[in-house]
Amino acid sequence: AGTVTDARRRALLRLRVLRGVKQAVRHLEDQAARAAAAGGAGYPEIGRAVNMSRQGARRRWPGLISNRTPSPTSPEHRSS
């Protein structure tokens, strides 16, 4: 019974450690995605870097890239 309890305790500890590693990796991915976006990368490039679609990257990092398009200039009105 002791070895089963020890094995269970080790397995649970391993799960906790792996969860922490997973969170740390996710944090590092978030930092790298922000840096890539700041460097001009778009969602398609960021998605490819992490083996996901552009849409997946957009869902993972919403608002990371702003699609600012210059507002069109208003047409000049000429008086006749």
PDB file of N, CA and C in Angstrom:
ATOM      1  N   ALA A   1       0.833  -1.205   0.000  1.00  0.00           N
ATOM      2  CA  ALA A   1       0.000   0.000   0.000  1.00  0.00           C
ATOM      3  C   ALA A   1       0.867   1.255   0.000  1.00  0.00           C
ATOM      4  N   GLY A   2       2.024   1.191   0.689  1.00  0.00           N
ATOM      5  CA  GLY A   2       2.912   2.346   0.756  1.00  0.00           C
ATOM      6  C   GLY A   2       3.473   2.721  -0.603  1.00  0.00           C
ATOM      7  N   THR A   3       3.825   1.719  -1.413  1.00  0.00           N
ATOM      8  CA  THR A   3       4.393   2.036  -2.727  1.00  0.00           C
ATOM      9  C   THR A   3       3.346   2.630  -3.657  1.00  0.00           C
ATOM     10  N   VAL A   4       2.100   2.195  -3.527  1.00  0.00           N
ATOM     11  CA  VAL A   4       1.018   2.768  -4.340  1.00  0.00           C
ATOM     12  C   VAL A   4       0.811   4.224  -3.945  1.00  0.00           C
ATOM     13  N   THR A   5       0.815   4.505  -2.643  1.00  0.00           N
ATOM     14  CA  THR A   5       0.653   5.873  -2.158  1.00  0.00           C
ATOM     15  C   THR A   5       1.820   6.741  -2.606  1.00  0.00           C
ATOM     16  N   ASP A   6       3.036   6.210  -2.529  1.00  0.00           N
ATOM     17  CA  ASP A   6       4.211   6.963  -2.977  1.00  0.00           C
ATOM     18  C   ASP A   6       4.138   7.249  -4.473  1.00  0.00           C
ATOM     19  N   ALA A   7       3.748   6.249  -5.245  1.00  0.00           N
ATOM     20  CA  ALA A   7       3.640   6.428  -6.700  1.00  0.00           C
ATOM     21  C   ALA A   7       2.581   7.480  -7.023  1.00  0.00           C
ATOM     22  N   ARG A   8       1.467   7.424  -6.307  1.00  0.00           N
ATOM     23  CA  ARG A   8       0.404   8.414  -6.531  1.00  0.00           C
ATOM     24  C   ARG A   8       0.895   9.806  -6.170  1.00  0.00           C
ATOM     25  N   ARG A   9       1.585   9.931  -5.048  1.00  0.00           N
ATOM     26  CA  ARG A   9       2.101  11.231  -4.610  1.00  0.00           C
ATOM     27  C   ARG A   9       3.094  11.788  -5.633  1.00  0.00           C
ATOM     28  N   ARG A  10       3.980  10.921  -6.137  1.00  0.00           N
ATOM     29  CA  ARG A  10       4.954  11.363  -7.156  1.00  0.00           C
ATOM     30  C   ARG A  10       4.248  11.786  -8.447  1.00  0.00           C
ATOM     31  N   ALA A  11       3.242  11.027  -8.840  1.00  0.00           N
ATOM     32  CA  ALA A  11       2.506  11.361 -10.065  1.00  0.00           C
ATOM     33  C   ALA A  11       1.784  12.699  -9.915  1.00  0.00           C
ATOM     34  N   LEU A  12       1.190  12.937  -8.755  1.00  0.00           N
ATOM     35  CA  LEU A  12       0.496  14.211  -8.524  1.00  0.00           C
ATOM     36  C   LEU A  12       1.482  15.375  -8.474  1.00  0.00           C
ATOM     37  N   LEU A  13       2.631  15.146  -7.869  1.00  0.00           N
ATOM     38  CA  LEU A  13       3.662  16.181  -7.833  1.00  0.00           C
ATOM     39  C   LEU A  13       4.138  16.498  -9.250  1.00  0.00           C
ATOM     40  N   ARG A  14       4.333  15.457 -10.044  1.00  0.00           N
ATOM     41  CA  ARG A  14       4.756  15.644 -11.435  1.00  0.00           C
ATOM     42  C   ARG A  14       3.720  16.474 -12.196  1.00  0.00           C
ATOM     43  N   LEU A  15       2.444  16.200 -11.974  1.00  0.00           N
ATOM     44  CA  LEU A  15       1.383  16.987 -12.618  1.00  0.00           C
ATOM     45  C   LEU A  15       1.451  18.456 -12.215  1.00  0.00           C
ATOM     46  N   ARG A  16       1.665  18.711 -10.920  1.00  0.00           N
ATOM     47  CA  ARG A  16       1.764  20.109 -10.458  1.00  0.00           C
ATOM     48  C   ARG A  16       2.955  20.817 -11.088  1.00  0.00           C
ATOM     49  N   VAL A  17       4.088  20.127 -11.150  1.00  0.00           N
ATOM     50  CA  VAL A  17       5.288  20.721 -11.750  1.00  0.00           C
ATOM     51  C   VAL A  17       5.048  20.995 -13.231  1.00  0.00           C
ATOM     52  N   LEU A  18       4.466  20.042 -13.931  1.00  0.00           N
ATOM     53  CA  LEU A  18       4.202  20.225 -15.358  1.00  0.00           C
ATOM     54  C   LEU A  18       3.212  21.359 -15.605  1.00  0.00           C
ATOM     55  N   ARG A  19       2.246  21.519 -14.729  1.00  0.00           N
ATOM     56  CA  ARG A  19       1.305  22.638 -14.860  1.00  0.00           C
ATOM     57  C   ARG A  19       2.055  23.967 -14.745  1.00  0.00           C
ATOM     58  N   GLY A  20       2.984  24.050 -13.808  1.00  0.00           N
ATOM     59  CA  GLY A  20       3.784  25.264 -13.658  1.00  0.00           C
ATOM     60  C   GLY A  20       4.643  25.531 -14.884  1.00  0.00           C
ATOM     61  N   VAL A  21       5.225  24.471 -15.442  1.00  0.00           N
ATOM     62  CA  VAL A  21       6.037  24.615 -16.654  1.00  0.00           C
ATOM     63  C   VAL A  21       5.157  25.099 -17.804  1.00  0.00           C
ATOM     64  N   LYS A  22       3.975  24.523 -17.921  1.00  0.00           N
ATOM     65  CA  LYS A  22       3.041  24.913 -18.986  1.00  0.00           C
ATOM     66  C   LYS A  22       2.674  26.391 -18.872  1.00  0.00           C
ATOM     67  N   GLN A  23       2.408  26.854 -17.656  1.00  0.00           N
ATOM     68  CA  GLN A  23       2.079  28.270 -17.452  1.00  0.00           C
ATOM     69  C   GLN A  23       3.266  29.165 -17.799  1.00  0.00           C
ATOM     70  N   ALA A  24       4.466  28.736 -17.441  1.00  0.00           N
ATOM     71  CA  ALA A  24       5.661  29.529 -17.744  1.00  0.00           C
ATOM     72  C   ALA A  24       5.886  29.610 -19.253  1.00  0.00           C
ATOM     73  N   VAL A  25       5.702  28.494 -19.947  1.00  0.00           N
ATOM     74  CA  VAL A  25       5.866  28.486 -21.404  1.00  0.00           C
ATOM     75  C   VAL A  25       4.821  29.380 -22.054  1.00  0.00           C
ATOM     76  N   ARG A  26       3.596  29.321 -21.572  1.00  0.00           N
ATOM     77  CA  ARG A  26       2.533  30.169 -22.130  1.00  0.00           C
ATOM     78  C   ARG A  26       2.884  31.646 -21.947  1.00  0.00           C
ATOM     79  N   HIS A  27       3.404  31.988 -20.786  1.00  0.00           N
ATOM     80  CA  HIS A  27       3.814  33.372 -20.525  1.00  0.00           C
ATOM     81  C   HIS A  27       4.922  33.793 -21.494  1.00  0.00           C
ATOM     82  N   LEU A  28       5.887  32.919 -21.711  1.00  0.00           N
ATOM     83  CA  LEU A  28       6.974  33.221 -22.647  1.00  0.00           C
ATOM     84  C   LEU A  28       6.450  33.352 -24.076  1.00  0.00           C
ATOM     85  N   GLU A  29       5.485  32.515 -24.453  1.00  0.00           N
ATOM     86  CA  GLU A  29       4.872  32.630 -25.780  1.00  0.00           C
ATOM     87  C   GLU A  29       4.158  33.969 -25.929  1.00  0.00           C
ATOM     88  N   ASP A  30       3.454  34.384 -24.880  1.00  0.00           N
ATOM     89  CA  ASP A  30       2.759  35.676 -24.921  1.00  0.00           C
ATOM     90  C   ASP A  30       3.752  36.813 -25.128  1.00  0.00           C
ATOM     91  N   GLN A  31       4.863  36.768 -24.405  1.00  0.00           N
ATOM     92  CA  GLN A  31       5.890  37.807 -24.557  1.00  0.00           C
ATOM     93  C   GLN A  31       6.462  37.808 -25.973  1.00  0.00           C
ATOM     94  N   ALA A  32       6.741  36.626 -26.497  1.00  0.00           N
ATOM     95  CA  ALA A  32       7.311  36.525 -27.842  1.00  0.00           C
ATOM     96  C   ALA A  32       6.312  36.998 -28.895  1.00  0.00           C
ATOM     97  N   ALA A  33       5.036  36.687 -28.706  1.00  0.00           N
ATOM     98  CA  ALA A  33       4.015  37.140 -29.660  1.00  0.00           C
ATOM     99  C   ALA A  33       3.915  38.659 -29.645  1.00  0.00           C
ATOM    100  N   ARG A  34       3.958  39.258 -28.455  1.00  0.00           N
ATOM    101  CA  ARG A  34       3.924  40.728 -28.372  1.00  0.00           C
ATOM    102  C   ARG A  34       5.146  41.337 -29.050  1.00  0.00           C
ATOM    103  N   ALA A  35       6.307  40.735 -28.844  1.00  0.00           N
ATOM    104  CA  ALA A  35       7.528  41.244 -29.470  1.00  0.00           C
ATOM    105  C   ALA A  35       7.459  41.100 -30.990  1.00  0.00           C
ATOM    106  N   ALA A  36       6.940  39.977 -31.461  1.00  0.00           N
ATOM    107  CA  ALA A  36       6.814  39.772 -32.909  1.00  0.00           C
ATOM    108  C   ALA A  36       5.861  40.799 -33.511  1.00  0.00           C
ATOM    109  N   ALA A  37       4.739  41.035 -32.830  1.00  0.00           N
ATOM    110  CA  ALA A  37       3.774  42.024 -33.322  1.00  0.00           C
ATOM    111  C   ALA A  37       4.384  43.416 -33.311  1.00  0.00           C
ATOM    112  N   ALA A  38       5.121  43.733 -32.265  1.00  0.00           N
ATOM    113  CA  ALA A  38       5.774  45.046 -32.187  1.00  0.00           C
ATOM    114  C   ALA A  38       6.792  45.207 -33.309  1.00  0.00           C
ATOM    115  N   GLY A  39       7.355  44.092 -33.763  1.00  0.00           N
ATOM    116  CA  GLY A  39       8.316  44.119 -34.856  1.00  0.00           C
ATOM    117  C   GLY A  39       7.673  44.093 -36.229  1.00  0.00           C
ATOM    118  N   GLY A  40       6.338  44.096 -36.261  1.00  0.00           N
ATOM    119  CA  GLY A  40       5.639  44.166 -37.540  1.00  0.00           C
ATOM    120  C   GLY A  40       5.021  42.874 -38.024  1.00  0.00           C
ATOM    121  N   ALA A  41       5.142  41.789 -37.263  1.00  0.00           N
ATOM    122  CA  ALA A  41       4.542  40.518 -37.688  1.00  0.00           C
ATOM    123  C   ALA A  41       3.028  40.597 -37.570  1.00  0.00           C
ATOM    124  N   GLY A  42       2.357  39.924 -38.466  1.00  0.00           N
ATOM    125  CA  GLY A  42       0.901  39.856 -38.433  1.00  0.00           C
ATOM    126  C   GLY A  42       0.439  38.529 -37.862  1.00  0.00           C
ATOM    127  N   TYR A  43      -0.882  38.398 -37.698  1.00  0.00           N
ATOM    128  CA  TYR A  43      -1.430  37.146 -37.174  1.00  0.00           C
ATOM    129  C   TYR A  43      -1.051  35.928 -38.023  1.00  0.00           C
ATOM    130  N   PRO A  44      -1.015  36.034 -39.361  1.00  0.00           N
ATOM    131  CA  PRO A  44      -0.621  34.841 -40.126  1.00  0.00           C
ATOM    132  C   PRO A  44       0.784  34.355 -39.764  1.00  0.00           C
ATOM    133  N   GLU A  45       1.731  35.270 -39.641  1.00  0.00           N
ATOM    134  CA  GLU A  45       3.109  34.885 -39.300  1.00  0.00           C
ATOM    135  C   GLU A  45       3.196  34.340 -37.882  1.00  0.00           C
ATOM    136  N   ILE A  46       2.529  34.999 -36.955  1.00  0.00           N
ATOM    137  CA  ILE A  46       2.558  34.558 -35.556  1.00  0.00           C
ATOM    138  C   ILE A  46       1.916  33.184 -35.441  1.00  0.00           C
ATOM    139  N   GLY A  47       0.799  32.990 -36.121  1.00  0.00           N
ATOM    140  CA  GLY A  47       0.138  31.687 -36.112  1.00  0.00           C
ATOM    141  C   GLY A  47       1.042  30.585 -36.643  1.00  0.00           C
ATOM    142  N   ARG A  48       1.697  30.853 -37.779  1.00  0.00           N
ATOM    143  CA  ARG A  48       2.604  29.840 -38.347  1.00  0.00           C
ATOM    144  C   ARG A  48       3.726  29.495 -37.373  1.00  0.00           C
ATOM    145  N   ALA A  49       4.213  30.485 -36.649  1.00  0.00           N
ATOM    146  CA  ALA A  49       5.322  30.249 -35.717  1.00  0.00           C
ATOM    147  C   ALA A  49       4.936  29.289 -34.593  1.00  0.00           C
ATOM    148  N   VAL A  50       3.647  29.254 -34.247  1.00  0.00           N
ATOM    149  CA  VAL A  50       3.196  28.368 -33.164  1.00  0.00           C
ATOM    150  C   VAL A  50       2.283  27.256 -33.683  1.00  0.00           C
ATOM    151  N   ASN A  51       2.352  27.035 -35.007  1.00  0.00           N
ATOM    152  CA  ASN A  51       1.598  25.951 -35.640  1.00  0.00           C
ATOM    153  C   ASN A  51       0.094  26.069 -35.419  1.00  0.00           C
ATOM    154  N   MET A  52      -0.420  27.272 -35.622  1.00  0.00           N
ATOM    155  CA  MET A  52      -1.867  27.465 -35.567  1.00  0.00           C
ATOM    156  C   MET A  52      -2.272  28.392 -36.699  1.00  0.00           C
ATOM    157  N   SER A  53      -3.548  28.445 -36.941  1.00  0.00           N
ATOM    158  CA  SER A  53      -4.059  29.300 -38.013  1.00  0.00           C
ATOM    159  C   SER A  53      -4.005  30.767 -37.594  1.00  0.00           C
ATOM    160  N   ARG A  54      -4.183  31.623 -38.582  1.00  0.00           N
ATOM    161  CA  ARG A  54      -4.275  33.060 -38.309  1.00  0.00           C
ATOM    162  C   ARG A  54      -5.418  33.319 -37.332  1.00  0.00           C
ATOM    163  N   GLN A  55      -6.546  32.640 -37.560  1.00  0.00           N
ATOM    164  CA  GLN A  55      -7.700  32.820 -36.680  1.00  0.00           C
ATOM    165  C   GLN A  55      -7.397  32.333 -35.268  1.00  0.00           C
ATOM    166  N   GLY A  56      -6.671  31.224 -35.170  1.00  0.00           N
ATOM    167  CA  GLY A  56      -6.288  30.714 -33.853  1.00  0.00           C
ATOM    168  C   GLY A  56      -5.394  31.691 -33.111  1.00  0.00           C
ATOM    169  N   ALA A  57      -4.457  32.289 -33.843  1.00  0.00           N
ATOM    170  CA  ALA A  57      -3.569  33.282 -33.225  1.00  0.00           C
ATOM    171  C   ALA A  57      -4.363  34.504 -32.787  1.00  0.00           C
ATOM    172  N   ARG A  58      -5.324  34.909 -33.603  1.00  0.00           N
ATOM    173  CA  ARG A  58      -6.157  36.069 -33.250  1.00  0.00           C
ATOM    174  C   ARG A  58      -6.986  35.777 -31.993  1.00  0.00           C
ATOM    175  N   ARG A  59      -7.475  34.535 -31.882  1.00  0.00           N
ATOM    176  CA  ARG A  59      -8.237  34.168 -30.669  1.00  0.00           C
ATOM    177  C   ARG A  59      -7.328  34.096 -29.449  1.00  0.00           C
ATOM    178  N   ARG A  60      -6.122  33.588 -29.640  1.00  0.00           N
ATOM    179  CA  ARG A  60      -5.182  33.444 -28.519  1.00  0.00           C
ATOM    180  C   ARG A  60      -4.690  34.801 -28.030  1.00  0.00           C
ATOM    181  N   TRP A  61      -4.437  35.721 -28.968  1.00  0.00           N
ATOM    182  CA  TRP A  61      -3.907  37.045 -28.621  1.00  0.00           C
ATOM    183  C   TRP A  61      -4.789  38.139 -29.210  1.00  0.00           C
ATOM    184  N   PRO A  62      -6.020  38.271 -28.739  1.00  0.00           N
ATOM    185  CA  PRO A  62      -6.896  39.303 -29.312  1.00  0.00           C
ATOM    186  C   PRO A  62      -6.338  40.696 -29.046  1.00  0.00           C
ATOM    187  N   GLY A  63      -6.464  41.549 -30.035  1.00  0.00           N
ATOM    188  CA  GLY A  63      -6.016  42.924 -29.869  1.00  0.00           C
ATOM    189  C   GLY A  63      -4.517  43.113 -29.969  1.00  0.00           C
ATOM    190  N   LEU A  64      -3.792  42.044 -30.253  1.00  0.00           N
ATOM    191  CA  LEU A  64      -2.336  42.134 -30.340  1.00  0.00           C
ATOM    192  C   LEU A  64      -1.923  43.009 -31.520  1.00  0.00           C
ATOM    193  N   ILE A  65      -2.663  42.871 -32.592  1.00  0.00           N
ATOM    194  CA  ILE A  65      -2.347  43.613 -33.810  1.00  0.00           C
ATOM    195  C   ILE A  65      -3.549  44.459 -34.161  1.00  0.00           C
ATOM    196  N   SER A  66      -3.314  45.732 -34.289  1.00  0.00           N
ATOM    197  CA  SER A  66      -4.431  46.595 -34.669  1.00  0.00           C
ATOM    198  C   SER A  66      -4.408  46.743 -36.180  1.00  0.00           C
ATOM    199  N   ASN A  67      -5.558  46.614 -36.745  1.00  0.00           N
ATOM    200  CA  ASN A  67      -5.683  46.766 -38.194  1.00  0.00           C
ATOM    201  C   ASN A  67      -6.060  48.195 -38.505  1.00  0.00           C
ATOM    202  N   ARG A  68      -5.185  49.078 -38.151  1.00  0.00           N
ATOM    203  CA  ARG A  68      -5.454  50.495 -38.401  1.00  0.00           C
ATOM    204  C   ARG A  68      -5.229  50.795 -39.866  1.00  0.00           C
ATOM    205  N   THR A  69      -6.270  51.241 -40.484  1.00  0.00           N
ATOM    206  CA  THR A  69      -6.127  51.691 -41.861  1.00  0.00           C
ATOM    207  C   THR A  69      -6.313  53.186 -41.847  1.00  0.00           C
ATOM    208  N   PRO A  70      -5.539  53.876 -42.623  1.00  0.00           N
ATOM    209  CA  PRO A  70      -5.693  55.327 -42.621  1.00  0.00           C
ATOM    210  C   PRO A  70      -7.091  55.710 -43.065  1.00  0.00           C
ATOM    211  N   SER A  71      -7.656  56.667 -42.372  1.00  0.00           N
ATOM    212  CA  SER A  71      -9.005  57.088 -42.742  1.00  0.00           C
ATOM    213  C   SER A  71      -8.934  57.839 -44.060  1.00  0.00           C
ATOM    214  N   PRO A  72      -9.906  57.582 -44.920  1.00  0.00           N
ATOM    215  CA  PRO A  72      -9.873  58.257 -46.217  1.00  0.00           C
ATOM    216  C   PRO A  72     -10.053  59.756 -46.031  1.00  0.00           C
ATOM    217  N   THR A  73      -9.381  60.491 -46.851  1.00  0.00           N
ATOM    218  CA  THR A  73      -9.526  61.947 -46.768  1.00  0.00           C
ATOM    219  C   THR A  73     -10.864  62.324 -47.360  1.00  0.00           C
ATOM    220  N   SER A  74     -11.478  63.282 -46.748  1.00  0.00           N
ATOM    221  CA  SER A  74     -12.790  63.682 -47.255  1.00  0.00           C
ATOM    222  C   SER A  74     -12.607  64.398 -48.586  1.00  0.00           C
ATOM    223  N   PRO A  75     -13.503  64.116 -49.520  1.00  0.00           N
ATOM    224  CA  PRO A  75     -13.371  64.756 -50.830  1.00  0.00           C
ATOM    225  C   PRO A  75     -13.574  66.258 -50.707  1.00  0.00           C
ATOM    226  N   GLU A  76     -12.853  66.956 -51.497  1.00  0.00           N
ATOM    227  CA  GLU A  76     -12.991  68.412 -51.478  1.00  0.00           C
ATOM    228  C   GLU A  76     -14.276  68.790 -52.192  1.00  0.00           C
ATOM    229  N   HIS A  77     -14.969  69.702 -51.588  1.00  0.00           N
ATOM    230  CA  HIS A  77     -16.200  70.188 -52.213  1.00  0.00           C
ATOM    231  C   HIS A  77     -15.896  71.513 -52.877  1.00  0.00           C
ATOM    232  N   ARG A  78     -16.183  71.577 -54.119  1.00  0.00           N
ATOM    233  CA  ARG A  78     -15.950  72.824 -54.848  1.00  0.00           C
ATOM    234  C   ARG A  78     -17.245  73.594 -54.957  1.00  0.00           C
ATOM    235  N   SER A  79     -17.168  74.859 -54.718  1.00  0.00           N
ATOM    236  CA  SER A  79     -18.365  75.676 -54.911  1.00  0.00           C
ATOM    237  C   SER A  79     -18.399  76.133 -56.357  1.00  0.00           C
ATOM    238  N   SER A  80     -19.564  76.066 -56.916  1.00  0.00           N
ATOM    239  CA  SER A  80     -19.688  76.492 -58.307  1.00  0.00           C
ATOM    240  C   SER A  80     -20.163  77.908 -58.397  1.00  0.00           C
TER     241      SER A  80
END
